[in-house]
Amino acid sequence: ANGNSRTDYDEEETENIDETSNSKLTPVKEVLRRIQWDPTLPSSDFTIIHYDRVVATLCETSFDASNDSISGKERQFVFALPEHRIKAVKFRERVIWDKEMRTDCVFGSMNGNGVTIDSVIESYDEWKTEQEQREERNRIRQVEVLKELDIFLGDMRVFALKELSYSLVRSEWDIESVNNYVKSVVALYYDARNERKTSRNDENYDIVTFLYLFSDLVALMPKENSREVILKEIEAVINRTIRSDETLKKNANRNTPALPELKESELEEKFVKGSGAGGQKINKTSNKVILVHIPTRIRVECQVCKHITFDCTKLSLNFNSFFFQTKILLTFELTGNSIAPTES
């Protein structure tokens, strides 16, 4: 219908586009001009995916839609729309140009890998059949994953998870929104875990297992670019969780060391006069016990209560009590723990 314009377009633009087809993405304005002027492309089969001006949500508008919302003289909406708001272009149900994915299946540039709009139209029915089969497999798998997630979260929180996911897919996402999405899902897990503490064993519902299951759900999302970013964030959370668990285990082992066996024959004990506040009751009575580990010569001292007179019973009780206490302290010294002896 526009033969002269079509000829002008071919001669002036096609050569430049071919020269850069492998180095950068063809601008969307060139894609729109191709649809506008190529008589072999039915414009009614094309739609534009763009961000709303007020709310950061995605909208889909027909290529032929008239402009009744953007000021200016342009009468066709797609040409009145600022280029930075256009995310993708579709032929029927297939995305043929995507800014974020760096895909161009109109001229074949970047991740279009040489596929052009002519081959897209020719093979569309085959693509559609494969797409429907893939979507059915994904739908079945999604139901299975949601059932498993229901064990962790319960019905209401699974519904909240689906709402969060839908909101992310339909909005203009960035790294911050992805991080907030993952944090919100993790918060759902902890909220559910706190609720079920009285009725379920948490060992069967640990956070790492939940996150791996959550990643299975994310892997079924339709948007490949956001999907990859979300999966990387989930992986980062899993790695942080594992490192934190390992640190806790190390600290637990450090706080409860395996105590070496102390043989009575290797210990030398004696009582000596004490020192410090308390006057003659401390300074003139043998109220300090010294225990030496003969093989290592490690020496531990403990001061006994300030008794002036010891009868056999009291001496036996005090000795046994402080012998046990000193033995424990010595054991800690042998294992390299810095725990100072305590006074009674």
C-alpha atoms as a PDB file:
ATOM      1  CA  ALA A   1       0.000   0.000   0.000  1.00  0.00           C
ATOM      2  CA  ASN A   2       2.932   2.314   0.744  1.00  0.00           C
ATOM      3  CA  GLY A   3       5.266   1.090  -1.998  1.00  0.00           C
ATOM      4  CA  ASN A   4       7.459   4.181  -2.270  1.00  0.00           C
ATOM      5  CA  SER A   5       7.928   4.445   1.478  1.00  0.00           C
ATOM      6  CA  ARG A   6       8.665   0.729   1.669  1.00  0.00           C
ATOM      7  CA  THR A   7      11.367   1.067  -1.027  1.00  0.00           C
ATOM      8  CA  ASP A   8      12.895   4.046   0.734  1.00  0.00           C
ATOM      9  CA  TYR A   9      12.943   2.080   4.004  1.00  0.00           C
ATOM     10  CA  ASP A  10      14.724  -0.885   2.406  1.00  0.00           C
ATOM     11  CA  GLU A  11      17.403   1.152   0.714  1.00  0.00           C
ATOM     12  CA  GLU A  12      18.166   3.492   3.602  1.00  0.00           C
ATOM     13  CA  GLU A  13      17.841   1.307   6.677  1.00  0.00           C
ATOM     14  CA  THR A  14      18.286  -2.426   6.012  1.00  0.00           C
ATOM     15  CA  GLU A  15      21.998  -2.221   5.236  1.00  0.00           C
ATOM     16  CA  ASN A  16      22.732  -0.350   8.477  1.00  0.00           C
ATOM     17  CA  ILE A  17      20.694  -2.798  10.533  1.00  0.00           C
ATOM     18  CA  ASP A  18      22.469  -5.829   9.024  1.00  0.00           C
ATOM     19  CA  GLU A  19      25.882  -4.341   9.784  1.00  0.00           C
ATOM     20  CA  THR A  20      25.110  -4.147  13.511  1.00  0.00           C
ATOM     21  CA  SER A  21      22.877  -7.203  13.836  1.00  0.00           C
ATOM     22  CA  ASN A  22      25.341  -9.127  15.970  1.00  0.00           C
ATOM     23  CA  SER A  23      26.755  -6.229  17.995  1.00  0.00           C
ATOM     24  CA  LYS A  24      23.713  -4.470  19.446  1.00  0.00           C
ATOM     25  CA  LEU A  25      19.953  -4.726  19.735  1.00  0.00           C
ATOM     26  CA  THR A  26      17.943  -3.156  16.929  1.00  0.00           C
ATOM     27  CA  PRO A  27      16.069  -0.128  18.354  1.00  0.00           C
ATOM     28  CA  VAL A  28      12.354  -0.612  18.853  1.00  0.00           C
ATOM     29  CA  LYS A  29      11.573   2.327  16.567  1.00  0.00           C
ATOM     30  CA  GLU A  30      13.075   0.318  13.672  1.00  0.00           C
ATOM     31  CA  VAL A  31      10.922  -2.669  14.583  1.00  0.00           C
ATOM     32  CA  LEU A  32       7.799  -0.492  14.648  1.00  0.00           C
ATOM     33  CA  ARG A  33       8.680   1.096  11.315  1.00  0.00           C
ATOM     34  CA  ARG A  34       9.167  -2.375   9.800  1.00  0.00           C
ATOM     35  CA  ILE A  35       5.691  -3.415  10.955  1.00  0.00           C
ATOM     36  CA  GLN A  36       4.234  -0.130   9.747  1.00  0.00           C
ATOM     37  CA  TRP A  37       5.678  -0.144   6.240  1.00  0.00           C
ATOM     38  CA  ASP A  38       6.143  -3.825   5.333  1.00  0.00           C
ATOM     39  CA  PRO A  39       3.032  -4.863   3.345  1.00  0.00           C
ATOM     40  CA  THR A  40       3.693  -8.554   4.111  1.00  0.00           C
ATOM     41  CA  LEU A  41       3.229  -7.951   7.852  1.00  0.00           C
ATOM     42  CA  PRO A  42      -0.412  -7.681   9.016  1.00  0.00           C
ATOM     43  CA  SER A  43      -0.201  -4.952  11.676  1.00  0.00           C
ATOM     44  CA  SER A  44      -3.336  -6.238  13.413  1.00  0.00           C
ATOM     45  CA  ASP A  45      -1.349  -9.344  14.487  1.00  0.00           C
ATOM     46  CA  PHE A  46       1.135  -7.265  16.481  1.00  0.00           C
ATOM     47  CA  THR A  47       0.883  -5.855  19.995  1.00  0.00           C
ATOM     48  CA  ILE A  48       3.126  -3.691  22.158  1.00  0.00           C
ATOM     49  CA  ILE A  49       3.957  -4.494  25.789  1.00  0.00           C
ATOM     50  CA  HIS A  50       4.703  -1.295  27.671  1.00  0.00           C
ATOM     51  CA  TYR A  51       4.778   0.202  31.145  1.00  0.00           C
ATOM     52  CA  ASP A  52       1.910   2.351  32.329  1.00  0.00           C
ATOM     53  CA  ARG A  53       2.842   6.009  32.795  1.00  0.00           C
ATOM     54  CA  VAL A  54       1.363   6.331  36.288  1.00  0.00           C
ATOM     55  CA  VAL A  55       1.535   2.826  37.766  1.00  0.00           C
ATOM     56  CA  ALA A  56       4.603   0.647  37.136  1.00  0.00           C
ATOM     57  CA  THR A  57       2.586  -2.214  35.656  1.00  0.00           C
ATOM     58  CA  LEU A  58       2.781  -3.816  32.224  1.00  0.00           C
ATOM     59  CA  CYS A  59       0.081  -3.145  29.630  1.00  0.00           C
ATOM     60  CA  GLU A  60      -0.508  -4.748  26.240  1.00  0.00           C
ATOM     61  CA  THR A  61      -1.858  -2.589  23.436  1.00  0.00           C
ATOM     62  CA  SER A  62      -2.663  -3.343  19.813  1.00  0.00           C
ATOM     63  CA  PHE A  63      -0.241  -1.959  17.263  1.00  0.00           C
ATOM     64  CA  ASP A  64      -3.164  -0.261  15.436  1.00  0.00           C
ATOM     65  CA  ALA A  65      -4.614   1.385  18.567  1.00  0.00           C
ATOM     66  CA  SER A  66      -5.358   5.085  18.227  1.00  0.00           C
ATOM     67  CA  ASN A  67      -3.782   7.637  20.519  1.00  0.00           C
ATOM     68  CA  ASP A  68      -6.295   9.126  22.919  1.00  0.00           C
ATOM     69  CA  SER A  69      -4.151   9.482  26.063  1.00  0.00           C
ATOM     70  CA  ILE A  70      -0.765  10.958  25.077  1.00  0.00           C
ATOM     71  CA  SER A  71      -0.537  14.633  24.153  1.00  0.00           C
ATOM     72  CA  GLY A  72       0.837  15.597  20.744  1.00  0.00           C
ATOM     73  CA  LYS A  73      -0.077  15.331  17.081  1.00  0.00           C
ATOM     74  CA  GLU A  74       0.697  11.607  16.720  1.00  0.00           C
ATOM     75  CA  ARG A  75      -2.574   9.756  16.078  1.00  0.00           C
ATOM     76  CA  GLN A  76      -1.234   6.186  16.505  1.00  0.00           C
ATOM     77  CA  PHE A  77      -0.561   5.162  20.102  1.00  0.00           C
ATOM     78  CA  VAL A  78       2.582   3.072  19.538  1.00  0.00           C
ATOM     79  CA  PHE A  79       4.359   6.023  17.892  1.00  0.00           C
ATOM     80  CA  ALA A  80       3.183   8.521  20.503  1.00  0.00           C
ATOM     81  CA  LEU A  81       4.461   6.224  23.267  1.00  0.00           C
ATOM     82  CA  PRO A  82       7.990   7.112  24.493  1.00  0.00           C
ATOM     83  CA  GLU A  83      10.441   4.386  23.488  1.00  0.00           C
ATOM     84  CA  HIS A  84      11.771   3.875  27.035  1.00  0.00           C
ATOM     85  CA  ARG A  85       8.314   2.673  28.128  1.00  0.00           C
ATOM     86  CA  ILE A  86       8.178  -0.072  25.484  1.00  0.00           C
ATOM     87  CA  LYS A  87       9.354  -3.391  26.912  1.00  0.00           C
ATOM     88  CA  ALA A  88       8.499  -5.827  24.140  1.00  0.00           C
ATOM     89  CA  VAL A  89       6.725  -6.425  20.837  1.00  0.00           C
ATOM     90  CA  LYS A  90       4.641  -9.513  20.116  1.00  0.00           C
ATOM     91  CA  PHE A  91       3.434 -11.279  17.008  1.00  0.00           C
ATOM     92  CA  ARG A  92       0.202 -12.862  18.188  1.00  0.00           C
ATOM     93  CA  GLU A  93       1.385 -14.678  21.322  1.00  0.00           C
ATOM     94  CA  ARG A  94       5.108 -14.838  20.555  1.00  0.00           C
ATOM     95  CA  VAL A  95       7.496 -12.146  21.768  1.00  0.00           C
ATOM     96  CA  ILE A  96       9.590 -11.070  18.779  1.00  0.00           C
ATOM     97  CA  TRP A  97      11.459  -8.152  20.369  1.00  0.00           C
ATOM     98  CA  ASP A  98      12.364  -7.799  24.066  1.00  0.00           C
ATOM     99  CA  LYS A  99      14.523  -5.012  25.445  1.00  0.00           C
ATOM    100  CA  GLU A 100      15.472  -6.726  28.708  1.00  0.00           C
ATOM    101  CA  MET A 101      16.228 -10.078  27.086  1.00  0.00           C
ATOM    102  CA  ARG A 102      18.110  -8.378  24.232  1.00  0.00           C
ATOM    103  CA  THR A 103      16.056 -10.426  21.785  1.00  0.00           C
ATOM    104  CA  ASP A 104      15.193  -9.354  18.253  1.00  0.00           C
ATOM    105  CA  CYS A 105      13.394 -11.819  16.011  1.00  0.00           C
ATOM    106  CA  VAL A 106      12.393  -9.141  13.533  1.00  0.00           C
ATOM    107  CA  PHE A 107      15.837  -8.402  12.098  1.00  0.00           C
ATOM    108  CA  GLY A 108      17.654 -11.223  13.946  1.00  0.00           C
ATOM    109  CA  SER A 109      19.994  -9.062  16.028  1.00  0.00           C
ATOM    110  CA  MET A 110      21.495  -9.949  19.422  1.00  0.00           C
ATOM    111  CA  ASN A 111      19.728 -12.919  21.049  1.00  0.00           C
ATOM    112  CA  GLY A 112      17.458 -13.258  18.040  1.00  0.00           C
ATOM    113  CA  ASN A 113      20.360 -15.329  16.686  1.00  0.00           C
ATOM    114  CA  GLY A 114      19.555 -14.534  13.092  1.00  0.00           C
ATOM    115  CA  VAL A 115      15.850 -15.481  13.309  1.00  0.00           C
ATOM    116  CA  THR A 116      13.778 -12.940  11.353  1.00  0.00           C
ATOM    117  CA  ILE A 117      10.106 -12.048  11.308  1.00  0.00           C
ATOM    118  CA  ASP A 118       9.545 -13.974   8.063  1.00  0.00           C
ATOM    119  CA  SER A 119      10.643 -17.278   9.642  1.00  0.00           C
ATOM    120  CA  VAL A 120       8.673 -16.447  12.810  1.00  0.00           C
ATOM    121  CA  ILE A 121       5.458 -16.118  10.814  1.00  0.00           C
ATOM    122  CA  GLU A 122       6.191 -19.218   8.743  1.00  0.00           C
ATOM    123  CA  SER A 123       6.850 -21.440  11.792  1.00  0.00           C
ATOM    124  CA  TYR A 124       4.305 -19.845  14.133  1.00  0.00           C
ATOM    125  CA  ASP A 125       1.850 -22.774  14.232  1.00  0.00           C
ATOM    126  CA  GLU A 126       4.633 -25.212  15.131  1.00  0.00           C
ATOM    127  CA  TRP A 127       5.913 -22.811  17.794  1.00  0.00           C
ATOM    128  CA  LYS A 128       2.405 -22.411  19.188  1.00  0.00           C
ATOM    129  CA  THR A 129       1.957 -26.179  19.551  1.00  0.00           C
ATOM    130  CA  GLU A 130       5.293 -26.564  21.339  1.00  0.00           C
ATOM    131  CA  GLN A 131       4.453 -23.617  23.571  1.00  0.00           C
ATOM    132  CA  GLU A 132       1.115 -25.108  24.599  1.00  0.00           C
ATOM    133  CA  GLN A 133       2.775 -28.433  25.440  1.00  0.00           C
ATOM    134  CA  ARG A 134       5.442 -26.655  27.499  1.00  0.00           C
ATOM    135  CA  GLU A 135       2.852 -24.568  29.334  1.00  0.00           C
ATOM    136  CA  GLU A 136       0.857 -27.679  30.184  1.00  0.00           C
ATOM    137  CA  ARG A 137       3.943 -29.384  31.606  1.00  0.00           C
ATOM    138  CA  ASN A 138       4.761 -26.264  33.599  1.00  0.00           C
ATOM    139  CA  ARG A 139       1.187 -26.010  34.855  1.00  0.00           C
ATOM    140  CA  ILE A 140       1.263 -29.594  36.134  1.00  0.00           C
ATOM    141  CA  ARG A 141       4.638 -29.068  37.771  1.00  0.00           C
ATOM    142  CA  GLN A 142       3.467 -25.789  39.299  1.00  0.00           C
ATOM    143  CA  VAL A 143       0.503 -27.536  40.932  1.00  0.00           C
ATOM    144  CA  GLU A 144       2.849 -30.179  42.356  1.00  0.00           C
ATOM    145  CA  VAL A 145       5.253 -27.573  43.755  1.00  0.00           C
ATOM    146  CA  LEU A 146       2.443 -25.516  45.285  1.00  0.00           C
ATOM    147  CA  LYS A 147       1.131 -28.624  47.034  1.00  0.00           C
ATOM    148  CA  GLU A 148       4.571 -29.207  48.542  1.00  0.00           C
ATOM    149  CA  LEU A 149       4.834 -25.543  49.540  1.00  0.00           C
ATOM    150  CA  ASP A 150       1.442 -25.825  51.197  1.00  0.00           C
ATOM    151  CA  ILE A 151       3.016 -28.260  53.679  1.00  0.00           C
ATOM    152  CA  PHE A 152       5.421 -25.503  54.719  1.00  0.00           C
ATOM    153  CA  LEU A 153       3.134 -22.475  54.500  1.00  0.00           C
ATOM    154  CA  GLY A 154      -0.519 -23.484  54.619  1.00  0.00           C
ATOM    155  CA  ASP A 155      -3.290 -22.384  52.246  1.00  0.00           C
ATOM    156  CA  MET A 156      -3.401 -18.700  53.142  1.00  0.00           C
ATOM    157  CA  ARG A 157       0.332 -18.141  52.846  1.00  0.00           C
ATOM    158  CA  VAL A 158       0.528 -20.067  49.569  1.00  0.00           C
ATOM    159  CA  PHE A 159      -2.145 -17.688  48.274  1.00  0.00           C
ATOM    160  CA  ALA A 160      -0.036 -14.757  49.491  1.00  0.00           C
ATOM    161  CA  LEU A 161       3.004 -16.263  47.732  1.00  0.00           C
ATOM    162  CA  LYS A 162       1.081 -16.481  44.459  1.00  0.00           C
ATOM    163  CA  GLU A 163      -0.041 -12.856  44.819  1.00  0.00           C
ATOM    164  CA  LEU A 164       3.542 -11.715  45.438  1.00  0.00           C
ATOM    165  CA  SER A 165       4.764 -13.660  42.410  1.00  0.00           C
ATOM    166  CA  TYR A 166       2.022 -12.343  40.141  1.00  0.00           C
ATOM    167  CA  SER A 167       2.705  -8.773  41.254  1.00  0.00           C
ATOM    168  CA  LEU A 168       6.421  -9.128  40.491  1.00  0.00           C
ATOM    169  CA  VAL A 169       5.827 -10.635  37.049  1.00  0.00           C
ATOM    170  CA  ARG A 170       3.341  -7.927  36.084  1.00  0.00           C
ATOM    171  CA  SER A 171       5.345  -4.929  37.337  1.00  0.00           C
ATOM    172  CA  GLU A 172       8.518  -3.143  36.321  1.00  0.00           C
ATOM    173  CA  TRP A 173      11.001  -5.040  38.455  1.00  0.00           C
ATOM    174  CA  ASP A 174      14.517  -4.166  39.583  1.00  0.00           C
ATOM    175  CA  ILE A 175      17.086  -5.682  41.949  1.00  0.00           C
ATOM    176  CA  GLU A 176      15.477  -4.071  44.978  1.00  0.00           C
ATOM    177  CA  SER A 177      12.021  -5.419  44.127  1.00  0.00           C
ATOM    178  CA  VAL A 178      13.507  -8.907  43.608  1.00  0.00           C
ATOM    179  CA  ASN A 179      15.246  -8.734  47.001  1.00  0.00           C
ATOM    180  CA  ASN A 180      12.022  -7.591  48.657  1.00  0.00           C
ATOM    181  CA  TYR A 181      10.122 -10.398  46.927  1.00  0.00           C
ATOM    182  CA  VAL A 182      12.510 -13.070  48.245  1.00  0.00           C
ATOM    183  CA  LYS A 183      12.531 -11.496  51.721  1.00  0.00           C
ATOM    184  CA  SER A 184       8.723 -11.486  51.788  1.00  0.00           C
ATOM    185  CA  VAL A 185       8.572 -15.166  50.837  1.00  0.00           C
ATOM    186  CA  VAL A 186      11.161 -16.062  53.491  1.00  0.00           C
ATOM    187  CA  ALA A 187       9.092 -14.078  56.009  1.00  0.00           C
ATOM    188  CA  LEU A 188       6.067 -16.215  55.086  1.00  0.00           C
ATOM    189  CA  TYR A 189       8.126 -19.308  55.894  1.00  0.00           C
ATOM    190  CA  TYR A 190       9.222 -18.072  59.331  1.00  0.00           C
ATOM    191  CA  ASP A 191       5.716 -16.879  60.131  1.00  0.00           C
ATOM    192  CA  ALA A 192       4.378 -20.346  59.327  1.00  0.00           C
ATOM    193  CA  ARG A 193       7.164 -22.055  61.282  1.00  0.00           C
ATOM    194  CA  ASN A 194       6.468 -19.993  64.392  1.00  0.00           C
ATOM    195  CA  GLU A 195       2.799 -20.896  64.140  1.00  0.00           C
ATOM    196  CA  ARG A 196       3.356 -24.654  63.871  1.00  0.00           C
ATOM    197  CA  LYS A 197       5.972 -24.969  66.650  1.00  0.00           C
ATOM    198  CA  THR A 198       3.539 -26.707  68.959  1.00  0.00           C
ATOM    199  CA  SER A 199       2.354 -29.271  66.428  1.00  0.00           C
ATOM    200  CA  ARG A 200       5.197 -30.100  64.008  1.00  0.00           C
ATOM    201  CA  ASN A 201       8.814 -31.052  64.101  1.00  0.00           C
ATOM    202  CA  ASP A 202      10.833 -28.185  62.607  1.00  0.00           C
ATOM    203  CA  GLU A 203      13.601 -30.528  61.478  1.00  0.00           C
ATOM    204  CA  ASN A 204      11.280 -31.733  58.731  1.00  0.00           C
ATOM    205  CA  TYR A 205      10.540 -28.172  57.565  1.00  0.00           C
ATOM    206  CA  ASP A 206      13.964 -26.505  57.485  1.00  0.00           C
ATOM    207  CA  ILE A 207      14.540 -23.251  55.598  1.00  0.00           C
ATOM    208  CA  VAL A 208      17.010 -24.671  53.058  1.00  0.00           C
ATOM    209  CA  THR A 209      14.570 -27.354  51.895  1.00  0.00           C
ATOM    210  CA  PHE A 210      11.883 -24.688  51.607  1.00  0.00           C
ATOM    211  CA  LEU A 211      14.138 -22.403  49.560  1.00  0.00           C
ATOM    212  CA  TYR A 212      15.042 -25.177  47.131  1.00  0.00           C
ATOM    213  CA  LEU A 213      11.341 -25.873  46.674  1.00  0.00           C
ATOM    214  CA  PHE A 214      10.679 -22.159  46.219  1.00  0.00           C
ATOM    215  CA  SER A 215      13.357 -22.051  43.515  1.00  0.00           C
ATOM    216  CA  ASP A 216      11.515 -24.860  41.697  1.00  0.00           C
ATOM    217  CA  LEU A 217       8.472 -22.592  41.561  1.00  0.00           C
ATOM    218  CA  VAL A 218      10.494 -19.601  40.368  1.00  0.00           C
ATOM    219  CA  ALA A 219      12.028 -21.722  37.599  1.00  0.00           C
ATOM    220  CA  LEU A 220       8.521 -22.017  36.119  1.00  0.00           C
ATOM    221  CA  MET A 221       8.034 -18.253  35.836  1.00  0.00           C
ATOM    222  CA  PRO A 222       7.514 -17.021  32.266  1.00  0.00           C
ATOM    223  CA  LYS A 223       9.982 -14.107  32.362  1.00  0.00           C
ATOM    224  CA  GLU A 224      13.451 -15.529  31.854  1.00  0.00           C
ATOM    225  CA  ASN A 225      15.395 -12.397  32.803  1.00  0.00           C
ATOM    226  CA  SER A 226      13.669 -11.811  36.133  1.00  0.00           C
ATOM    227  CA  ARG A 227      13.615 -15.560  36.764  1.00  0.00           C
ATOM    228  CA  GLU A 228      17.410 -15.776  36.596  1.00  0.00           C
ATOM    229  CA  VAL A 229      17.847 -12.820  38.962  1.00  0.00           C
ATOM    230  CA  ILE A 230      15.408 -14.297  41.500  1.00  0.00           C
ATOM    231  CA  LEU A 231      17.125 -17.683  41.380  1.00  0.00           C
ATOM    232  CA  LYS A 232      20.493 -16.037  42.045  1.00  0.00           C
ATOM    233  CA  GLU A 233      19.052 -14.207  45.043  1.00  0.00           C
ATOM    234  CA  ILE A 234      17.548 -17.438  46.413  1.00  0.00           C
ATOM    235  CA  GLU A 235      20.911 -19.157  45.945  1.00  0.00           C
ATOM    236  CA  ALA A 236      22.584 -16.333  47.884  1.00  0.00           C
ATOM    237  CA  VAL A 237      20.093 -16.753  50.752  1.00  0.00           C
ATOM    238  CA  ILE A 238      20.695 -20.519  50.796  1.00  0.00           C
ATOM    239  CA  ASN A 239      24.468 -20.026  50.940  1.00  0.00           C
ATOM    240  CA  ARG A 240      24.168 -17.489  53.761  1.00  0.00           C
ATOM    241  CA  THR A 241      21.892 -19.847  55.679  1.00  0.00           C
ATOM    242  CA  ILE A 242      24.261 -22.798  55.269  1.00  0.00           C
ATOM    243  CA  ARG A 243      27.259 -20.710  56.365  1.00  0.00           C
ATOM    244  CA  SER A 244      25.323 -19.457  59.378  1.00  0.00           C
ATOM    245  CA  ASP A 245      24.367 -23.023  60.364  1.00  0.00           C
ATOM    246  CA  GLU A 246      27.973 -24.169  60.024  1.00  0.00           C
ATOM    247  CA  THR A 247      29.133 -21.280  62.222  1.00  0.00           C
ATOM    248  CA  LEU A 248      26.571 -22.160  64.881  1.00  0.00           C
ATOM    249  CA  LYS A 249      27.697 -25.777  64.853  1.00  0.00           C
ATOM    250  CA  LYS A 250      31.334 -24.764  65.190  1.00  0.00           C
ATOM    251  CA  ASN A 251      30.492 -22.485  68.086  1.00  0.00           C
ATOM    252  CA  ALA A 252      28.470 -25.235  69.731  1.00  0.00           C
ATOM    253  CA  ASN A 253      31.379 -27.644  69.398  1.00  0.00           C
ATOM    254  CA  ARG A 254      33.730 -25.007  70.743  1.00  0.00           C
ATOM    255  CA  ASN A 255      31.505 -24.395  73.767  1.00  0.00           C
ATOM    256  CA  THR A 256      31.150 -28.096  74.563  1.00  0.00           C
ATOM    257  CA  PRO A 257      34.557 -29.646  73.808  1.00  0.00           C
ATOM    258  CA  ALA A 258      35.284 -33.304  74.061  1.00  0.00           C
ATOM    259  CA  LEU A 259      36.912 -33.555  77.492  1.00  0.00           C
ATOM    260  CA  PRO A 260      40.074 -35.620  77.774  1.00  0.00           C
ATOM    261  CA  GLU A 261      40.186 -38.332  80.380  1.00  0.00           C
ATOM    262  CA  LEU A 262      42.124 -37.335  83.522  1.00  0.00           C
ATOM    263  CA  LYS A 263      43.715 -40.184  85.421  1.00  0.00           C
ATOM    264  CA  GLU A 264      43.940 -39.849  89.184  1.00  0.00           C
ATOM    265  CA  SER A 265      47.542 -41.132  89.083  1.00  0.00           C
ATOM    266  CA  GLU A 266      48.543 -38.150  86.893  1.00  0.00           C
ATOM    267  CA  LEU A 267      47.191 -35.544  89.309  1.00  0.00           C
ATOM    268  CA  GLU A 268      49.079 -34.016  92.222  1.00  0.00           C
ATOM    269  CA  GLU A 269      47.076 -32.115  94.790  1.00  0.00           C
ATOM    270  CA  LYS A 270      47.932 -30.215  97.968  1.00  0.00           C
ATOM    271  CA  PHE A 271      46.386 -27.663 100.321  1.00  0.00           C
ATOM    272  CA  VAL A 272      48.184 -24.432 101.179  1.00  0.00           C
ATOM    273  CA  LYS A 273      47.402 -21.299 103.157  1.00  0.00           C
ATOM    274  CA  GLY A 274      45.054 -18.934 101.440  1.00  0.00           C
ATOM    275  CA  SER A 275      45.394 -15.231 100.787  1.00  0.00           C
ATOM    276  CA  GLY A 276      43.262 -12.162 100.269  1.00  0.00           C
ATOM    277  CA  ALA A 277      40.563 -10.447 102.304  1.00  0.00           C
ATOM    278  CA  GLY A 278      39.318 -12.265 105.382  1.00  0.00           C
ATOM    279  CA  GLY A 279      42.104 -11.783 107.933  1.00  0.00           C
ATOM    280  CA  GLN A 280      43.565 -14.646 109.892  1.00  0.00           C
ATOM    281  CA  LYS A 281      40.767 -17.003 108.889  1.00  0.00           C
ATOM    282  CA  ILE A 282      42.138 -16.832 105.349  1.00  0.00           C
ATOM    283  CA  ASN A 283      45.848 -16.242 105.869  1.00  0.00           C
ATOM    284  CA  LYS A 284      46.491 -18.844 108.596  1.00  0.00           C
ATOM    285  CA  THR A 285      44.456 -21.800 107.356  1.00  0.00           C
ATOM    286  CA  SER A 286      45.059 -24.244 104.553  1.00  0.00           C
ATOM    287  CA  ASN A 287      42.028 -23.288 102.544  1.00  0.00           C
ATOM    288  CA  LYS A 288      43.497 -23.234  99.011  1.00  0.00           C
ATOM    289  CA  VAL A 289      43.793 -26.374  96.896  1.00  0.00           C
ATOM    290  CA  ILE A 290      46.398 -26.689  94.152  1.00  0.00           C
ATOM    291  CA  LEU A 291      46.056 -29.348  91.499  1.00  0.00           C
ATOM    292  CA  VAL A 292      48.875 -30.108  89.035  1.00  0.00           C
ATOM    293  CA  HIS A 293      48.605 -32.270  85.930  1.00  0.00           C
ATOM    294  CA  ILE A 294      51.966 -34.046  86.101  1.00  0.00           C
ATOM    295  CA  PRO A 295      52.463 -34.875  82.360  1.00  0.00           C
ATOM    296  CA  THR A 296      51.804 -31.290  81.206  1.00  0.00           C
ATOM    297  CA  ARG A 297      52.679 -29.424  84.450  1.00  0.00           C
ATOM    298  CA  ILE A 298      49.471 -27.438  84.088  1.00  0.00           C
ATOM    299  CA  ARG A 299      48.652 -25.929  87.478  1.00  0.00           C
ATOM    300  CA  VAL A 300      45.198 -24.898  88.664  1.00  0.00           C
ATOM    301  CA  GLU A 301      44.391 -23.238  91.972  1.00  0.00           C
ATOM    302  CA  CYS A 302      41.118 -22.835  93.820  1.00  0.00           C
ATOM    303  CA  GLN A 303      40.520 -21.171  97.163  1.00  0.00           C
ATOM    304  CA  VAL A 304      38.319 -23.068  99.582  1.00  0.00           C
ATOM    305  CA  CYS A 305      35.829 -21.411 101.948  1.00  0.00           C
ATOM    306  CA  LYS A 306      37.441 -19.776 104.971  1.00  0.00           C
ATOM    307  CA  HIS A 307      37.015 -22.476 107.651  1.00  0.00           C
ATOM    308  CA  ILE A 308      39.348 -22.312 110.687  1.00  0.00           C
ATOM    309  CA  THR A 309      38.487 -25.679 112.098  1.00  0.00           C
ATOM    310  CA  PHE A 310      38.044 -28.720 109.887  1.00  0.00           C
ATOM    311  CA  ASP A 311      36.660 -31.917 111.151  1.00  0.00           C
ATOM    312  CA  CYS A 312      37.070 -35.028 109.068  1.00  0.00           C
ATOM    313  CA  THR A 313      33.599 -34.811 107.573  1.00  0.00           C
ATOM    314  CA  LYS A 314      33.896 -31.191 106.530  1.00  0.00           C
ATOM    315  CA  LEU A 315      37.392 -31.715 105.162  1.00  0.00           C
ATOM    316  CA  SER A 316      36.215 -34.683 103.126  1.00  0.00           C
ATOM    317  CA  LEU A 317      33.225 -32.812 101.740  1.00  0.00           C
ATOM    318  CA  ASN A 318      35.247 -29.733 100.870  1.00  0.00           C
ATOM    319  CA  PHE A 319      38.048 -31.746  99.321  1.00  0.00           C
ATOM    320  CA  ASN A 320      35.704 -33.847  97.207  1.00  0.00           C
ATOM    321  CA  SER A 321      33.685 -30.844  96.118  1.00  0.00           C
ATOM    322  CA  PHE A 322      36.642 -28.703  95.139  1.00  0.00           C
ATOM    323  CA  PHE A 323      38.615 -31.609  93.773  1.00  0.00           C
ATOM    324  CA  PHE A 324      35.771 -32.113  91.296  1.00  0.00           C
ATOM    325  CA  GLN A 325      35.583 -28.405  90.491  1.00  0.00           C
ATOM    326  CA  THR A 326      39.342 -28.141  89.990  1.00  0.00           C
ATOM    327  CA  LYS A 327      39.388 -31.264  87.847  1.00  0.00           C
ATOM    328  CA  ILE A 328      36.838 -29.690  85.506  1.00  0.00           C
ATOM    329  CA  LEU A 329      38.833 -26.475  85.288  1.00  0.00           C
ATOM    330  CA  LEU A 330      41.982 -28.419  84.550  1.00  0.00           C
ATOM    331  CA  THR A 331      40.196 -30.277  81.784  1.00  0.00           C
ATOM    332  CA  PHE A 332      39.234 -27.007  80.146  1.00  0.00           C
ATOM    333  CA  GLU A 333      42.828 -25.853  80.363  1.00  0.00           C
ATOM    334  CA  LEU A 334      43.984 -29.027  78.620  1.00  0.00           C
ATOM    335  CA  THR A 335      41.560 -28.499  75.734  1.00  0.00           C
ATOM    336  CA  GLY A 336      42.787 -24.978  75.122  1.00  0.00           C
ATOM    337  CA  ASN A 337      39.785 -23.146  76.536  1.00  0.00           C
ATOM    338  CA  SER A 338      40.510 -19.994  78.503  1.00  0.00           C
ATOM    339  CA  ILE A 339      38.255 -20.354  81.525  1.00  0.00           C
ATOM    340  CA  ALA A 340      39.681 -18.840  84.646  1.00  0.00           C
ATOM    341  CA  PRO A 341      39.368 -20.684  87.977  1.00  0.00           C
ATOM    342  CA  THR A 342      36.637 -19.409  90.275  1.00  0.00           C
ATOM    343  CA  GLU A 343      36.796 -18.740  93.948  1.00  0.00           C
ATOM    344  CA  SER A 344      34.331 -20.249  96.340  1.00  0.00           C
END
